[in-house]
Amino acid sequence: MPMEAQSASLSAALGGIGWAGAYALAGALAGAALMLLFSFILPRIVNRMTPNIDEEKEIARGNRAVAEYFGRVVSAGIIGMSIIVAAAVLGGLLAALHG
């Protein structure tokens, strides 16, 4: 293989790796912002869905059933959102490395 072809191939590979890093960084920043936003919004949504129960007061009184329900619903939502963000970051990485 001629030297110019090797140089162009190496340059294209390094460019792909650079774009993959940029996609990963952008995805990580967007994912972190979404996680923070989602972790603040989801408890408010649960509070609106259960208007007759004040979750914070019940948890402070030691009601374990409310605490476990609230924790499971909020954690399931956060895990679901993190799976979506991970899939988006992986898609960006694959597009950068193979595109």
PDB file of N, CA and C in Angstrom:
ATOM      1  N   MET A   1       0.854  -1.177   0.000  1.00  0.00           N
ATOM      2  CA  MET A   1       0.000   0.000   0.000  1.00  0.00           C
ATOM      3  C   MET A   1       0.897   1.236   0.000  1.00  0.00           C
ATOM      4  N   PRO A   2       0.627   2.171  -0.880  1.00  0.00           N
ATOM      5  CA  PRO A   2       1.455   3.384  -0.927  1.00  0.00           C
ATOM      6  C   PRO A   2       1.334   4.194   0.365  1.00  0.00           C
ATOM      7  N   MET A   3       2.346   4.970   0.606  1.00  0.00           N
ATOM      8  CA  MET A   3       2.411   5.777   1.826  1.00  0.00           C
ATOM      9  C   MET A   3       1.264   6.781   1.901  1.00  0.00           C
ATOM     10  N   GLU A   4       0.879   7.349   0.768  1.00  0.00           N
ATOM     11  CA  GLU A   4      -0.210   8.336   0.759  1.00  0.00           C
ATOM     12  C   GLU A   4      -1.533   7.687   1.136  1.00  0.00           C
ATOM     13  N   ALA A   5      -1.751   6.451   0.687  1.00  0.00           N
ATOM     14  CA  ALA A   5      -2.990   5.738   1.012  1.00  0.00           C
ATOM     15  C   ALA A   5      -3.033   5.392   2.495  1.00  0.00           C
ATOM     16  N   GLN A   6      -1.880   4.988   3.051  1.00  0.00           N
ATOM     17  CA  GLN A   6      -1.825   4.690   4.480  1.00  0.00           C
ATOM     18  C   GLN A   6      -2.084   5.945   5.295  1.00  0.00           C
ATOM     19  N   SER A   7      -1.524   7.052   4.865  1.00  0.00           N
ATOM     20  CA  SER A   7      -1.713   8.322   5.550  1.00  0.00           C
ATOM     21  C   SER A   7      -3.178   8.749   5.518  1.00  0.00           C
ATOM     22  N   ALA A   8      -3.830   8.580   4.372  1.00  0.00           N
ATOM     23  CA  ALA A   8      -5.245   8.948   4.260  1.00  0.00           C
ATOM     24  C   ALA A   8      -6.108   8.032   5.104  1.00  0.00           C
ATOM     25  N   SER A   9      -5.754   6.734   5.134  1.00  0.00           N
ATOM     26  CA  SER A   9      -6.512   5.778   5.936  1.00  0.00           C
ATOM     27  C   SER A   9      -6.378   6.087   7.421  1.00  0.00           C
ATOM     28  N   LEU A  10      -5.151   6.391   7.855  1.00  0.00           N
ATOM     29  CA  LEU A  10      -4.918   6.740   9.259  1.00  0.00           C
ATOM     30  C   LEU A  10      -5.638   8.031   9.611  1.00  0.00           C
ATOM     31  N   SER A  11      -5.616   8.994   8.712  1.00  0.00           N
ATOM     32  CA  SER A  11      -6.302  10.264   8.951  1.00  0.00           C
ATOM     33  C   SER A  11      -7.807  10.060   9.081  1.00  0.00           C
ATOM     34  N   ALA A  12      -8.377   9.205   8.231  1.00  0.00           N
ATOM     35  CA  ALA A  12      -9.812   8.925   8.311  1.00  0.00           C
ATOM     36  C   ALA A  12     -10.158   8.201   9.606  1.00  0.00           C
ATOM     37  N   ALA A  13      -9.283   7.275  10.028  1.00  0.00           N
ATOM     38  CA  ALA A  13      -9.531   6.540  11.271  1.00  0.00           C
ATOM     39  C   ALA A  13      -9.471   7.480  12.474  1.00  0.00           C
ATOM     40  N   LEU A  14      -8.471   8.349  12.493  1.00  0.00           N
ATOM     41  CA  LEU A  14      -8.357   9.297  13.605  1.00  0.00           C
ATOM     42  C   LEU A  14      -9.520  10.287  13.611  1.00  0.00           C
ATOM     43  N   GLY A  15      -9.973  10.673  12.420  1.00  0.00           N
ATOM     44  CA  GLY A  15     -11.141  11.555  12.335  1.00  0.00           C
ATOM     45  C   GLY A  15     -12.384  10.878  12.878  1.00  0.00           C
ATOM     46  N   GLY A  16     -12.555   9.595  12.553  1.00  0.00           N
ATOM     47  CA  GLY A  16     -13.697   8.835  13.076  1.00  0.00           C
ATOM     48  C   GLY A  16     -13.643   8.699  14.583  1.00  0.00           C
ATOM     49  N   ILE A  17     -12.441   8.445  15.115  1.00  0.00           N
ATOM     50  CA  ILE A  17     -12.285   8.343  16.568  1.00  0.00           C
ATOM     51  C   ILE A  17     -12.567   9.690  17.225  1.00  0.00           C
ATOM     52  N   GLY A  18     -12.126  10.774  16.590  1.00  0.00           N
ATOM     53  CA  GLY A  18     -12.406  12.106  17.135  1.00  0.00           C
ATOM     54  C   GLY A  18     -13.891  12.408  17.167  1.00  0.00           C
ATOM     55  N   TRP A  19     -14.587  12.060  16.071  1.00  0.00           N
ATOM     56  CA  TRP A  19     -16.039  12.281  16.053  1.00  0.00           C
ATOM     57  C   TRP A  19     -16.736  11.389  17.073  1.00  0.00           C
ATOM     58  N   ALA A  20     -16.255  10.165  17.258  1.00  0.00           N
ATOM     59  CA  ALA A  20     -16.847   9.280  18.257  1.00  0.00           C
ATOM     60  C   ALA A  20     -16.692   9.871  19.656  1.00  0.00           C
ATOM     61  N   GLY A  21     -15.524  10.445  19.924  1.00  0.00           N
ATOM     62  CA  GLY A  21     -15.315  11.096  21.220  1.00  0.00           C
ATOM     63  C   GLY A  21     -16.220  12.297  21.395  1.00  0.00           C
ATOM     64  N   ALA A  22     -16.399  13.061  20.314  1.00  0.00           N
ATOM     65  CA  ALA A  22     -17.288  14.234  20.387  1.00  0.00           C
ATOM     66  C   ALA A  22     -18.729  13.809  20.625  1.00  0.00           C
ATOM     67  N   TYR A  23     -19.172  12.752  19.927  1.00  0.00           N
ATOM     68  CA  TYR A  23     -20.530  12.242  20.141  1.00  0.00           C
ATOM     69  C   TYR A  23     -20.702  11.721  21.569  1.00  0.00           C
ATOM     70  N   ALA A  24     -19.691  11.026  22.065  1.00  0.00           N
ATOM     71  CA  ALA A  24     -19.781  10.485  23.424  1.00  0.00           C
ATOM     72  C   ALA A  24     -19.851  11.613  24.450  1.00  0.00           C
ATOM     73  N   LEU A  25     -19.043  12.636  24.268  1.00  0.00           N
ATOM     74  CA  LEU A  25     -19.060  13.774  25.198  1.00  0.00           C
ATOM     75  C   LEU A  25     -20.388  14.517  25.137  1.00  0.00           C
ATOM     76  N   ALA A  26     -20.877  14.770  23.920  1.00  0.00           N
ATOM     77  CA  ALA A  26     -22.166  15.452  23.779  1.00  0.00           C
ATOM     78  C   ALA A  26     -23.295  14.617  24.362  1.00  0.00           C
ATOM     79  N   GLY A  27     -23.256  13.315  24.120  1.00  0.00           N
ATOM     80  CA  GLY A  27     -24.278  12.436  24.680  1.00  0.00           C
ATOM     81  C   GLY A  27     -24.215  12.370  26.195  1.00  0.00           C
ATOM     82  N   ALA A  28     -23.009  12.361  26.734  1.00  0.00           N
ATOM     83  CA  ALA A  28     -22.860  12.327  28.187  1.00  0.00           C
ATOM     84  C   ALA A  28     -23.397  13.604  28.833  1.00  0.00           C
ATOM     85  N   LEU A  29     -23.090  14.746  28.222  1.00  0.00           N
ATOM     86  CA  LEU A  29     -23.591  16.016  28.763  1.00  0.00           C
ATOM     87  C   LEU A  29     -25.113  16.111  28.656  1.00  0.00           C
ATOM     88  N   ALA A  30     -25.642  15.717  27.498  1.00  0.00           N
ATOM     89  CA  ALA A  30     -27.098  15.740  27.337  1.00  0.00           C
ATOM     90  C   ALA A  30     -27.764  14.740  28.272  1.00  0.00           C
ATOM     91  N   GLY A  31     -27.162  13.576  28.430  1.00  0.00           N
ATOM     92  CA  GLY A  31     -27.709  12.570  29.333  1.00  0.00           C
ATOM     93  C   GLY A  31     -27.695  13.025  30.784  1.00  0.00           C
ATOM     94  N   ALA A  32     -26.615  13.659  31.201  1.00  0.00           N
ATOM     95  CA  ALA A  32     -26.543  14.167  32.568  1.00  0.00           C
ATOM     96  C   ALA A  32     -27.594  15.243  32.808  1.00  0.00           C
ATOM     97  N   ALA A  33     -27.765  16.127  31.833  1.00  0.00           N
ATOM     98  CA  ALA A  33     -28.787  17.171  31.968  1.00  0.00           C
ATOM     99  C   ALA A  33     -30.186  16.558  32.025  1.00  0.00           C
ATOM    100  N   LEU A  34     -30.449  15.579  31.165  1.00  0.00           N
ATOM    101  CA  LEU A  34     -31.768  14.917  31.190  1.00  0.00           C
ATOM    102  C   LEU A  34     -32.007  14.177  32.496  1.00  0.00           C
ATOM    103  N   MET A  35     -30.972  13.530  33.024  1.00  0.00           N
ATOM    104  CA  MET A  35     -31.126  12.806  34.287  1.00  0.00           C
ATOM    105  C   MET A  35     -31.456  13.774  35.432  1.00  0.00           C
ATOM    106  N   LEU A  36     -30.760  14.891  35.478  1.00  0.00           N
ATOM    107  CA  LEU A  36     -31.055  15.871  36.525  1.00  0.00           C
ATOM    108  C   LEU A  36     -32.468  16.421  36.382  1.00  0.00           C
ATOM    109  N   LEU A  37     -32.840  16.754  35.159  1.00  0.00           N
ATOM    110  CA  LEU A  37     -34.182  17.268  34.911  1.00  0.00           C
ATOM    111  C   LEU A  37     -35.244  16.228  35.264  1.00  0.00           C
ATOM    112  N   PHE A  38     -35.013  15.003  34.840  1.00  0.00           N
ATOM    113  CA  PHE A  38     -35.982  13.937  35.072  1.00  0.00           C
ATOM    114  C   PHE A  38     -36.104  13.601  36.557  1.00  0.00           C
ATOM    115  N   SER A  39     -34.980  13.633  37.287  1.00  0.00           N
ATOM    116  CA  SER A  39     -35.042  13.314  38.710  1.00  0.00           C
ATOM    117  C   SER A  39     -35.735  14.411  39.521  1.00  0.00           C
ATOM    118  N   PHE A  40     -35.830  15.622  38.978  1.00  0.00           N
ATOM    119  CA  PHE A  40     -36.587  16.677  39.648  1.00  0.00           C
ATOM    120  C   PHE A  40     -38.062  16.656  39.250  1.00  0.00           C
ATOM    121  N   ILE A  41     -38.349  16.288  38.014  1.00  0.00           N
ATOM    122  CA  ILE A  41     -39.726  16.333  37.516  1.00  0.00           C
ATOM    123  C   ILE A  41     -40.543  15.114  37.927  1.00  0.00           C
ATOM    124  N   LEU A  42     -39.933  13.925  37.896  1.00  0.00           N
ATOM    125  CA  LEU A  42     -40.688  12.695  38.152  1.00  0.00           C
ATOM    126  C   LEU A  42     -41.351  12.651  39.536  1.00  0.00           C
ATOM    127  N   PRO A  43     -40.687  13.043  40.626  1.00  0.00           N
ATOM    128  CA  PRO A  43     -41.403  13.052  41.909  1.00  0.00           C
ATOM    129  C   PRO A  43     -42.613  13.988  41.928  1.00  0.00           C
ATOM    130  N   ARG A  44     -42.525  15.100  41.205  1.00  0.00           N
ATOM    131  CA  ARG A  44     -43.681  16.008  41.134  1.00  0.00           C
ATOM    132  C   ARG A  44     -44.840  15.371  40.378  1.00  0.00           C
ATOM    133  N   ILE A  45     -44.517  14.603  39.331  1.00  0.00           N
ATOM    134  CA  ILE A  45     -45.567  13.912  38.587  1.00  0.00           C
ATOM    135  C   ILE A  45     -46.247  12.880  39.477  1.00  0.00           C
ATOM    136  N   VAL A  46     -45.467  12.140  40.251  1.00  0.00           N
ATOM    137  CA  VAL A  46     -46.047  11.139  41.165  1.00  0.00           C
ATOM    138  C   VAL A  46     -46.911  11.833  42.211  1.00  0.00           C
ATOM    139  N   ASN A  47     -46.473  12.967  42.716  1.00  0.00           N
ATOM    140  CA  ASN A  47     -47.279  13.709  43.687  1.00  0.00           C
ATOM    141  C   ASN A  47     -48.608  14.164  43.088  1.00  0.00           C
ATOM    142  N   ARG A  48     -48.605  14.563  41.826  1.00  0.00           N
ATOM    143  CA  ARG A  48     -49.854  14.986  41.180  1.00  0.00           C
ATOM    144  C   ARG A  48     -50.777  13.804  40.912  1.00  0.00           C
ATOM    145  N   MET A  49     -50.207  12.631  40.675  1.00  0.00           N
ATOM    146  CA  MET A  49     -51.025  11.449  40.413  1.00  0.00           C
ATOM    147  C   MET A  49     -51.682  10.917  41.684  1.00  0.00           C
ATOM    148  N   THR A  50     -51.118  11.242  42.842  1.00  0.00           N
ATOM    149  CA  THR A  50     -51.692  10.813  44.114  1.00  0.00           C
ATOM    150  C   THR A  50     -52.010  12.051  44.952  1.00  0.00           C
ATOM    151  N   PRO A  51     -53.101  12.761  44.621  1.00  0.00           N
ATOM    152  CA  PRO A  51     -53.369  14.038  45.298  1.00  0.00           C
ATOM    153  C   PRO A  51     -53.770  13.882  46.767  1.00  0.00           C
ATOM    154  N   ASN A  52     -54.295  12.727  47.157  1.00  0.00           N
ATOM    155  CA  ASN A  52     -54.755  12.554  48.542  1.00  0.00           C
ATOM    156  C   ASN A  52     -53.661  12.072  49.479  1.00  0.00           C
ATOM    157  N   ILE A  53     -52.475  11.806  48.946  1.00  0.00           N
ATOM    158  CA  ILE A  53     -51.371  11.309  49.772  1.00  0.00           C
ATOM    159  C   ILE A  53     -50.210  12.286  49.671  1.00  0.00           C
ATOM    160  N   ASP A  54     -49.736  12.760  50.810  1.00  0.00           N
ATOM    161  CA  ASP A  54     -48.537  13.591  50.845  1.00  0.00           C
ATOM    162  C   ASP A  54     -47.360  12.656  51.125  1.00  0.00           C
ATOM    163  N   GLU A  55     -46.646  12.288  50.053  1.00  0.00           N
ATOM    164  CA  GLU A  55     -45.598  11.288  50.172  1.00  0.00           C
ATOM    165  C   GLU A  55     -44.503  11.704  51.144  1.00  0.00           C
ATOM    166  N   GLU A  56     -44.081  12.950  51.078  1.00  0.00           N
ATOM    167  CA  GLU A  56     -43.001  13.399  51.949  1.00  0.00           C
ATOM    168  C   GLU A  56     -43.391  13.285  53.424  1.00  0.00           C
ATOM    169  N   LYS A  57     -44.637  13.660  53.740  1.00  0.00           N
ATOM    170  CA  LYS A  57     -45.103  13.578  55.127  1.00  0.00           C
ATOM    171  C   LYS A  57     -45.216  12.124  55.584  1.00  0.00           C
ATOM    172  N   GLU A  58     -45.715  11.269  54.696  1.00  0.00           N
ATOM    173  CA  GLU A  58     -45.845   9.845  55.040  1.00  0.00           C
ATOM    174  C   GLU A  58     -44.480   9.188  55.230  1.00  0.00           C
ATOM    175  N   ILE A  59     -43.528   9.549  54.400  1.00  0.00           N
ATOM    176  CA  ILE A  59     -42.183   8.998  54.541  1.00  0.00           C
ATOM    177  C   ILE A  59     -41.558   9.486  55.841  1.00  0.00           C
ATOM    178  N   ALA A  60     -41.768  10.768  56.181  1.00  0.00           N
ATOM    179  CA  ALA A  60     -41.234  11.315  57.429  1.00  0.00           C
ATOM    180  C   ALA A  60     -41.859  10.641  58.645  1.00  0.00           C
ATOM    181  N   ARG A  61     -43.133  10.210  58.518  1.00  0.00           N
ATOM    182  CA  ARG A  61     -43.799   9.519  59.630  1.00  0.00           C
ATOM    183  C   ARG A  61     -43.375   8.061  59.743  1.00  0.00           C
ATOM    184  N   GLY A  62     -42.627   7.567  58.757  1.00  0.00           N
ATOM    185  CA  GLY A  62     -42.126   6.206  58.824  1.00  0.00           C
ATOM    186  C   GLY A  62     -42.978   5.194  58.085  1.00  0.00           C
ATOM    187  N   ASN A  63     -43.833   5.628  57.192  1.00  0.00           N
ATOM    188  CA  ASN A  63     -44.672   4.723  56.420  1.00  0.00           C
ATOM    189  C   ASN A  63     -43.812   4.092  55.322  1.00  0.00           C
ATOM    190  N   ARG A  64     -43.406   2.838  55.550  1.00  0.00           N
ATOM    191  CA  ARG A  64     -42.496   2.166  54.622  1.00  0.00           C
ATOM    192  C   ARG A  64     -43.152   1.833  53.296  1.00  0.00           C
ATOM    193  N   ALA A  65     -44.441   1.566  53.303  1.00  0.00           N
ATOM    194  CA  ALA A  65     -45.122   1.207  52.059  1.00  0.00           C
ATOM    195  C   ALA A  65     -45.080   2.371  51.069  1.00  0.00           C
ATOM    196  N   VAL A  66     -45.352   3.566  51.546  1.00  0.00           N
ATOM    197  CA  VAL A  66     -45.298   4.738  50.674  1.00  0.00           C
ATOM    198  C   VAL A  66     -43.866   4.997  50.227  1.00  0.00           C
ATOM    199  N   ALA A  67     -42.925   4.827  51.132  1.00  0.00           N
ATOM    200  CA  ALA A  67     -41.522   5.062  50.787  1.00  0.00           C
ATOM    201  C   ALA A  67     -41.047   4.086  49.721  1.00  0.00           C
ATOM    202  N   GLU A  68     -41.413   2.821  49.857  1.00  0.00           N
ATOM    203  CA  GLU A  68     -40.995   1.834  48.868  1.00  0.00           C
ATOM    204  C   GLU A  68     -41.681   2.060  47.525  1.00  0.00           C
ATOM    205  N   TYR A  69     -42.958   2.373  47.542  1.00  0.00           N
ATOM    206  CA  TYR A  69     -43.681   2.654  46.295  1.00  0.00           C
ATOM    207  C   TYR A  69     -43.074   3.854  45.586  1.00  0.00           C
ATOM    208  N   PHE A  70     -42.894   4.929  46.319  1.00  0.00           N
ATOM    209  CA  PHE A  70     -42.353   6.161  45.751  1.00  0.00           C
ATOM    210  C   PHE A  70     -40.952   5.925  45.206  1.00  0.00           C
ATOM    211  N   GLY A  71     -40.128   5.240  45.963  1.00  0.00           N
ATOM    212  CA  GLY A  71     -38.760   4.959  45.532  1.00  0.00           C
ATOM    213  C   GLY A  71     -38.706   4.083  44.303  1.00  0.00           C
ATOM    214  N   ARG A  72     -39.564   3.081  44.248  1.00  0.00           N
ATOM    215  CA  ARG A  72     -39.555   2.176  43.095  1.00  0.00           C
ATOM    216  C   ARG A  72     -40.049   2.872  41.827  1.00  0.00           C
ATOM    217  N   VAL A  73     -41.077   3.677  41.954  1.00  0.00           N
ATOM    218  CA  VAL A  73     -41.597   4.374  40.774  1.00  0.00           C
ATOM    219  C   VAL A  73     -40.566   5.371  40.241  1.00  0.00           C
ATOM    220  N   VAL A  74     -39.969   6.143  41.123  1.00  0.00           N
ATOM    221  CA  VAL A  74     -38.990   7.141  40.699  1.00  0.00           C
ATOM    222  C   VAL A  74     -37.737   6.462  40.151  1.00  0.00           C
ATOM    223  N   SER A  75     -37.259   5.421  40.812  1.00  0.00           N
ATOM    224  CA  SER A  75     -36.048   4.757  40.320  1.00  0.00           C
ATOM    225  C   SER A  75     -36.298   4.044  38.995  1.00  0.00           C
ATOM    226  N   ALA A  76     -37.475   3.470  38.801  1.00  0.00           N
ATOM    227  CA  ALA A  76     -37.782   2.826  37.517  1.00  0.00           C
ATOM    228  C   ALA A  76     -37.802   3.851  36.389  1.00  0.00           C
ATOM    229  N   GLY A  77     -38.338   5.021  36.650  1.00  0.00           N
ATOM    230  CA  GLY A  77     -38.339   6.070  35.633  1.00  0.00           C
ATOM    231  C   GLY A  77     -36.942   6.541  35.292  1.00  0.00           C
ATOM    232  N   ILE A  78     -36.093   6.678  36.297  1.00  0.00           N
ATOM    233  CA  ILE A  78     -34.724   7.123  36.056  1.00  0.00           C
ATOM    234  C   ILE A  78     -33.930   6.051  35.309  1.00  0.00           C
ATOM    235  N   ILE A  79     -34.124   4.782  35.654  1.00  0.00           N
ATOM    236  CA  ILE A  79     -33.437   3.701  34.938  1.00  0.00           C
ATOM    237  C   ILE A  79     -33.912   3.649  33.488  1.00  0.00           C
ATOM    238  N   GLY A  80     -35.201   3.818  33.266  1.00  0.00           N
ATOM    239  CA  GLY A  80     -35.710   3.832  31.901  1.00  0.00           C
ATOM    240  C   GLY A  80     -35.121   4.961  31.082  1.00  0.00           C
ATOM    241  N   MET A  81     -35.038   6.128  31.658  1.00  0.00           N
ATOM    242  CA  MET A  81     -34.448   7.263  30.946  1.00  0.00           C
ATOM    243  C   MET A  81     -32.963   7.023  30.677  1.00  0.00           C
ATOM    244  N   SER A  82     -32.252   6.406  31.603  1.00  0.00           N
ATOM    245  CA  SER A  82     -30.827   6.148  31.380  1.00  0.00           C
ATOM    246  C   SER A  82     -30.619   5.127  30.268  1.00  0.00           C
ATOM    247  N   ILE A  83     -31.526   4.171  30.121  1.00  0.00           N
ATOM    248  CA  ILE A  83     -31.418   3.212  29.014  1.00  0.00           C
ATOM    249  C   ILE A  83     -31.601   3.929  27.679  1.00  0.00           C
ATOM    250  N   ILE A  84     -32.537   4.856  27.627  1.00  0.00           N
ATOM    251  CA  ILE A  84     -32.762   5.617  26.395  1.00  0.00           C
ATOM    252  C   ILE A  84     -31.546   6.473  26.050  1.00  0.00           C
ATOM    253  N   VAL A  85     -30.961   7.126  27.038  1.00  0.00           N
ATOM    254  CA  VAL A  85     -29.775   7.957  26.797  1.00  0.00           C
ATOM    255  C   VAL A  85     -28.602   7.087  26.353  1.00  0.00           C
ATOM    256  N   ALA A  86     -28.432   5.919  26.986  1.00  0.00           N
ATOM    257  CA  ALA A  86     -27.334   5.023  26.597  1.00  0.00           C
ATOM    258  C   ALA A  86     -27.496   4.553  25.162  1.00  0.00           C
ATOM    259  N   ALA A  87     -28.705   4.255  24.752  1.00  0.00           N
ATOM    260  CA  ALA A  87     -28.941   3.835  23.374  1.00  0.00           C
ATOM    261  C   ALA A  87     -28.642   4.968  22.399  1.00  0.00           C
ATOM    262  N   ALA A  88     -28.979   6.187  22.759  1.00  0.00           N
ATOM    263  CA  ALA A  88     -28.693   7.329  21.884  1.00  0.00           C
ATOM    264  C   ALA A  88     -27.187   7.563  21.762  1.00  0.00           C
ATOM    265  N   VAL A  89     -26.468   7.457  22.862  1.00  0.00           N
ATOM    266  CA  VAL A  89     -25.014   7.639  22.824  1.00  0.00           C
ATOM    267  C   VAL A  89     -24.369   6.531  21.999  1.00  0.00           C
ATOM    268  N   LEU A  90     -24.817   5.305  22.182  1.00  0.00           N
ATOM    269  CA  LEU A  90     -24.257   4.193  21.415  1.00  0.00           C
ATOM    270  C   LEU A  90     -24.536   4.364  19.927  1.00  0.00           C
ATOM    271  N   GLY A  91     -25.718   4.817  19.581  1.00  0.00           N
ATOM    272  CA  GLY A  91     -26.036   5.075  18.176  1.00  0.00           C
ATOM    273  C   GLY A  91     -25.132   6.136  17.581  1.00  0.00           C
ATOM    274  N   GLY A  92     -24.862   7.192  18.334  1.00  0.00           N
ATOM    275  CA  GLY A  92     -23.941   8.226  17.861  1.00  0.00           C
ATOM    276  C   GLY A  92     -22.531   7.710  17.688  1.00  0.00           C
ATOM    277  N   LEU A  93     -22.074   6.878  18.632  1.00  0.00           N
ATOM    278  CA  LEU A  93     -20.751   6.309  18.508  1.00  0.00           C
ATOM    279  C   LEU A  93     -20.635   5.408  17.293  1.00  0.00           C
ATOM    280  N   LEU A  94     -21.625   4.571  17.097  1.00  0.00           N
ATOM    281  CA  LEU A  94     -21.598   3.674  15.937  1.00  0.00           C
ATOM    282  C   LEU A  94     -21.654   4.447  14.629  1.00  0.00           C
ATOM    283  N   ALA A  95     -22.436   5.497  14.589  1.00  0.00           N
ATOM    284  CA  ALA A  95     -22.518   6.320  13.381  1.00  0.00           C
ATOM    285  C   ALA A  95     -21.175   7.001  13.109  1.00  0.00           C
ATOM    286  N   ALA A  96     -20.500   7.449  14.155  1.00  0.00           N
ATOM    287  CA  ALA A  96     -19.218   8.137  13.961  1.00  0.00           C
ATOM    288  C   ALA A  96     -18.126   7.160  13.521  1.00  0.00           C
ATOM    289  N   LEU A  97     -18.148   5.950  14.084  1.00  0.00           N
ATOM    290  CA  LEU A  97     -17.082   5.004  13.760  1.00  0.00           C
ATOM    291  C   LEU A  97     -17.284   4.304  12.419  1.00  0.00           C
ATOM    292  N   HIS A  98     -18.518   4.174  11.984  1.00  0.00           N
ATOM    293  CA  HIS A  98     -18.779   3.453  10.739  1.00  0.00           C
ATOM    294  C   HIS A  98     -19.224   4.362   9.598  1.00  0.00           C
ATOM    295  N   GLY A  99     -19.377   5.647   9.869  1.00  0.00           N
ATOM    296  CA  GLY A  99     -19.919   6.525   8.851  1.00  0.00           C
ATOM    297  C   GLY A  99     -18.942   7.222   8.018  1.00  0.00           C
TER     298      GLY A  99
END
